[in-house]
């Protein structure tokens, strides 16, 4: 499965316990990360402040939905 531009599920679905700029306590599952912009793109992508857990996420059917689903509507 490949990441779909504009999906944003990886910035909403998982719980992240490590600090995120703007979310010092991390974020609960199902909550939109404050670093996800209006186009559903991570503002921290390729930045040193991006949490390591985010870099380890891989697209999956469980998180992203079916490959033919509209981006951002997996949840």
N, C-alpha and C. Protein backbone atom coordinates (compact mmCIF):
# COMPACT_ATOMS: atom_id res chain seq x y z
N UNK A 1 0.85 -1.17 0.00
CA UNK A 1 0.00 0.00 0.00
C UNK A 1 0.90 1.23 0.00
N UNK A 2 0.49 2.25 -0.72
CA UNK A 2 1.27 3.48 -0.81
C UNK A 2 0.54 4.62 -0.10
N UNK A 3 1.31 5.55 0.41
CA UNK A 3 0.75 6.75 1.03
C UNK A 3 0.06 7.59 -0.04
N UNK A 4 -1.13 8.10 0.29
CA UNK A 4 -1.87 8.95 -0.64
C UNK A 4 -1.79 10.40 -0.19
N UNK A 5 -1.34 11.25 -1.07
CA UNK A 5 -1.26 12.68 -0.75
C UNK A 5 -2.64 13.19 -0.34
N UNK A 6 -2.68 13.96 0.73
CA UNK A 6 -3.93 14.54 1.18
C UNK A 6 -4.78 13.63 2.04
N UNK A 7 -4.28 12.47 2.41
CA UNK A 7 -5.05 11.54 3.24
C UNK A 7 -5.08 12.03 4.70
N UNK A 8 -3.92 12.13 5.32
CA UNK A 8 -3.82 12.64 6.69
C UNK A 8 -4.18 11.66 7.78
N UNK A 9 -4.59 10.44 7.43
CA UNK A 9 -5.00 9.47 8.45
C UNK A 9 -3.90 9.20 9.46
N UNK A 10 -2.64 9.20 9.03
CA UNK A 10 -1.52 8.92 9.92
C UNK A 10 -1.32 10.02 10.96
N UNK A 11 -1.91 11.18 10.74
CA UNK A 11 -1.81 12.30 11.67
C UNK A 11 -3.07 12.44 12.52
N UNK A 12 -4.01 11.53 12.35
CA UNK A 12 -5.26 11.55 13.10
C UNK A 12 -5.46 10.25 13.86
N UNK A 13 -5.34 9.13 13.18
CA UNK A 13 -5.69 7.82 13.74
C UNK A 13 -4.87 7.40 14.96
N UNK A 14 -3.54 7.45 14.91
CA UNK A 14 -2.78 6.87 16.03
C UNK A 14 -2.70 7.76 17.27
N UNK A 15 -2.51 7.09 18.39
CA UNK A 15 -2.17 7.78 19.63
C UNK A 15 -0.66 8.00 19.60
N UNK A 16 -0.22 9.19 19.96
CA UNK A 16 1.21 9.50 19.99
C UNK A 16 1.54 10.01 21.39
N UNK A 17 2.36 9.26 22.11
CA UNK A 17 2.67 9.63 23.50
C UNK A 17 3.84 10.59 23.62
N UNK A 18 4.65 10.70 22.58
CA UNK A 18 5.79 11.61 22.64
C UNK A 18 5.34 13.04 22.33
N UNK A 19 6.08 14.03 22.83
CA UNK A 19 5.72 15.43 22.57
C UNK A 19 5.78 15.76 21.08
N UNK A 20 4.86 16.61 20.67
CA UNK A 20 4.79 17.13 19.30
C UNK A 20 4.78 18.64 19.46
N UNK A 21 5.50 19.40 18.64
CA UNK A 21 5.41 20.86 18.75
C UNK A 21 3.94 21.30 18.69
N UNK A 22 3.52 21.99 19.72
CA UNK A 22 2.12 22.42 19.82
C UNK A 22 1.24 21.45 20.59
N UNK A 23 1.75 20.26 20.85
CA UNK A 23 1.03 19.23 21.62
C UNK A 23 2.05 18.56 22.55
N UNK A 24 2.47 19.26 23.60
CA UNK A 24 3.55 18.75 24.45
C UNK A 24 3.24 17.43 25.16
N UNK A 25 1.98 17.08 25.29
CA UNK A 25 1.60 15.82 25.92
C UNK A 25 1.34 14.72 24.89
N UNK A 26 1.65 14.99 23.62
CA UNK A 26 1.32 14.04 22.56
C UNK A 26 -0.13 14.22 22.16
N UNK A 27 -0.73 13.18 21.56
CA UNK A 27 -2.14 13.27 21.16
C UNK A 27 -2.83 11.93 21.27
N UNK A 28 -4.11 11.95 21.63
CA UNK A 28 -4.86 10.70 21.68
C UNK A 28 -5.25 10.22 20.28
N UNK A 29 -5.55 8.95 20.16
CA UNK A 29 -6.02 8.39 18.89
C UNK A 29 -7.30 9.11 18.47
N UNK A 30 -7.42 9.37 17.18
CA UNK A 30 -8.61 9.99 16.64
C UNK A 30 -8.63 11.50 16.69
N UNK A 31 -7.60 12.10 17.27
CA UNK A 31 -7.50 13.56 17.37
C UNK A 31 -6.53 14.05 16.30
N UNK A 32 -6.95 15.07 15.57
CA UNK A 32 -6.12 15.65 14.51
C UNK A 32 -4.89 16.32 15.13
N UNK A 33 -3.71 16.00 14.61
CA UNK A 33 -2.48 16.63 15.07
C UNK A 33 -2.49 18.10 14.65
N UNK A 34 -2.01 18.98 15.52
CA UNK A 34 -1.98 20.41 15.20
C UNK A 34 -0.99 20.71 14.08
N UNK A 35 -0.10 19.77 13.77
CA UNK A 35 0.88 19.97 12.70
C UNK A 35 0.37 19.53 11.33
N UNK A 36 -0.88 19.08 11.26
CA UNK A 36 -1.49 18.68 9.99
C UNK A 36 -2.12 19.93 9.38
N UNK A 37 -1.65 20.32 8.19
CA UNK A 37 -2.15 21.56 7.59
C UNK A 37 -3.50 21.35 6.89
N UNK A 38 -4.03 22.41 6.30
CA UNK A 38 -5.34 22.38 5.65
C UNK A 38 -5.40 21.41 4.47
N UNK A 39 -4.25 21.10 3.88
CA UNK A 39 -4.18 20.14 2.77
C UNK A 39 -3.88 18.73 3.26
N UNK A 40 -3.98 18.52 4.58
CA UNK A 40 -3.69 17.23 5.21
C UNK A 40 -2.25 16.78 4.96
N UNK A 41 -1.34 17.71 5.06
CA UNK A 41 0.09 17.40 4.94
C UNK A 41 0.77 17.79 6.26
N UNK A 42 1.71 16.96 6.67
CA UNK A 42 2.43 17.19 7.93
C UNK A 42 3.41 18.35 7.77
N UNK A 43 3.29 19.33 8.65
CA UNK A 43 4.23 20.46 8.63
C UNK A 43 5.62 20.06 9.12
N UNK A 44 5.71 18.93 9.81
CA UNK A 44 6.99 18.49 10.38
C UNK A 44 7.71 17.46 9.52
N UNK A 45 7.11 17.06 8.41
CA UNK A 45 7.71 16.03 7.56
C UNK A 45 9.12 16.46 7.17
N UNK A 46 10.08 15.57 7.34
CA UNK A 46 11.50 15.82 7.06
C UNK A 46 12.13 16.89 7.94
N UNK A 47 11.51 17.20 9.07
CA UNK A 47 12.07 18.16 10.02
C UNK A 47 12.62 17.41 11.23
N UNK A 48 13.64 17.93 11.88
CA UNK A 48 14.20 17.24 13.06
C UNK A 48 13.24 17.19 14.24
N UNK A 49 12.22 18.04 14.25
CA UNK A 49 11.26 18.06 15.36
C UNK A 49 10.13 17.05 15.19
N UNK A 50 10.11 16.34 14.07
CA UNK A 50 9.08 15.33 13.84
C UNK A 50 9.33 14.15 14.77
N UNK A 51 8.30 13.72 15.53
CA UNK A 51 8.49 12.58 16.43
C UNK A 51 8.92 11.32 15.68
N UNK A 52 9.80 10.55 16.28
CA UNK A 52 10.31 9.33 15.66
C UNK A 52 9.18 8.36 15.33
N UNK A 53 8.18 8.29 16.18
CA UNK A 53 7.06 7.38 15.93
C UNK A 53 6.36 7.73 14.62
N UNK A 54 6.28 8.98 14.29
CA UNK A 54 5.63 9.40 13.04
C UNK A 54 6.41 8.90 11.83
N UNK A 55 7.72 8.97 11.91
CA UNK A 55 8.55 8.50 10.81
C UNK A 55 8.47 7.00 10.60
N UNK A 56 8.08 6.28 11.64
CA UNK A 56 7.97 4.84 11.54
C UNK A 56 6.62 4.34 11.05
N UNK A 57 5.65 5.23 10.94
CA UNK A 57 4.33 4.81 10.48
C UNK A 57 4.37 4.41 9.01
N UNK A 58 3.66 3.36 8.68
CA UNK A 58 3.55 2.88 7.30
C UNK A 58 2.08 2.82 6.93
N UNK A 59 1.74 3.14 5.69
CA UNK A 59 0.34 3.04 5.27
C UNK A 59 -0.19 1.62 5.47
N UNK A 60 -1.41 1.52 5.97
CA UNK A 60 -2.04 0.22 6.16
C UNK A 60 -3.54 0.36 5.93
N UNK A 61 -4.17 -0.74 5.58
CA UNK A 61 -5.60 -0.75 5.35
C UNK A 61 -6.35 -0.31 6.61
N UNK A 62 -5.87 -0.74 7.78
CA UNK A 62 -6.52 -0.40 9.04
C UNK A 62 -6.49 1.10 9.31
N UNK A 63 -5.39 1.75 9.00
CA UNK A 63 -5.25 3.17 9.29
C UNK A 63 -5.76 4.04 8.14
N UNK A 64 -5.47 3.65 6.92
CA UNK A 64 -5.72 4.52 5.77
C UNK A 64 -7.01 4.22 5.02
N UNK A 65 -7.55 3.03 5.20
CA UNK A 65 -8.73 2.63 4.44
C UNK A 65 -8.34 1.99 3.12
N UNK A 66 -9.33 1.65 2.34
CA UNK A 66 -9.11 0.99 1.06
C UNK A 66 -8.33 1.90 0.12
N UNK A 67 -7.46 1.32 -0.72
CA UNK A 67 -6.65 2.13 -1.64
C UNK A 67 -7.47 3.02 -2.57
N UNK A 68 -8.71 2.63 -2.86
CA UNK A 68 -9.53 3.45 -3.75
C UNK A 68 -10.44 4.41 -2.99
N UNK A 69 -10.34 4.44 -1.66
CA UNK A 69 -11.15 5.36 -0.85
C UNK A 69 -10.67 6.79 -1.04
N UNK A 70 -11.57 7.71 -0.84
CA UNK A 70 -11.21 9.12 -0.96
C UNK A 70 -10.24 9.48 0.17
N UNK A 71 -9.13 10.16 -0.13
CA UNK A 71 -8.18 10.53 0.92
C UNK A 71 -8.87 11.26 2.07
N UNK A 72 -8.46 10.90 3.29
CA UNK A 72 -8.98 11.55 4.48
C UNK A 72 -10.29 10.97 4.99
N UNK A 73 -10.83 9.97 4.32
CA UNK A 73 -12.11 9.41 4.74
C UNK A 73 -12.01 7.96 5.18
N UNK A 74 -10.86 7.58 5.68
CA UNK A 74 -10.65 6.20 6.11
C UNK A 74 -11.28 5.91 7.47
N UNK A 75 -11.41 6.93 8.29
CA UNK A 75 -11.85 6.70 9.66
C UNK A 75 -13.34 6.84 9.82
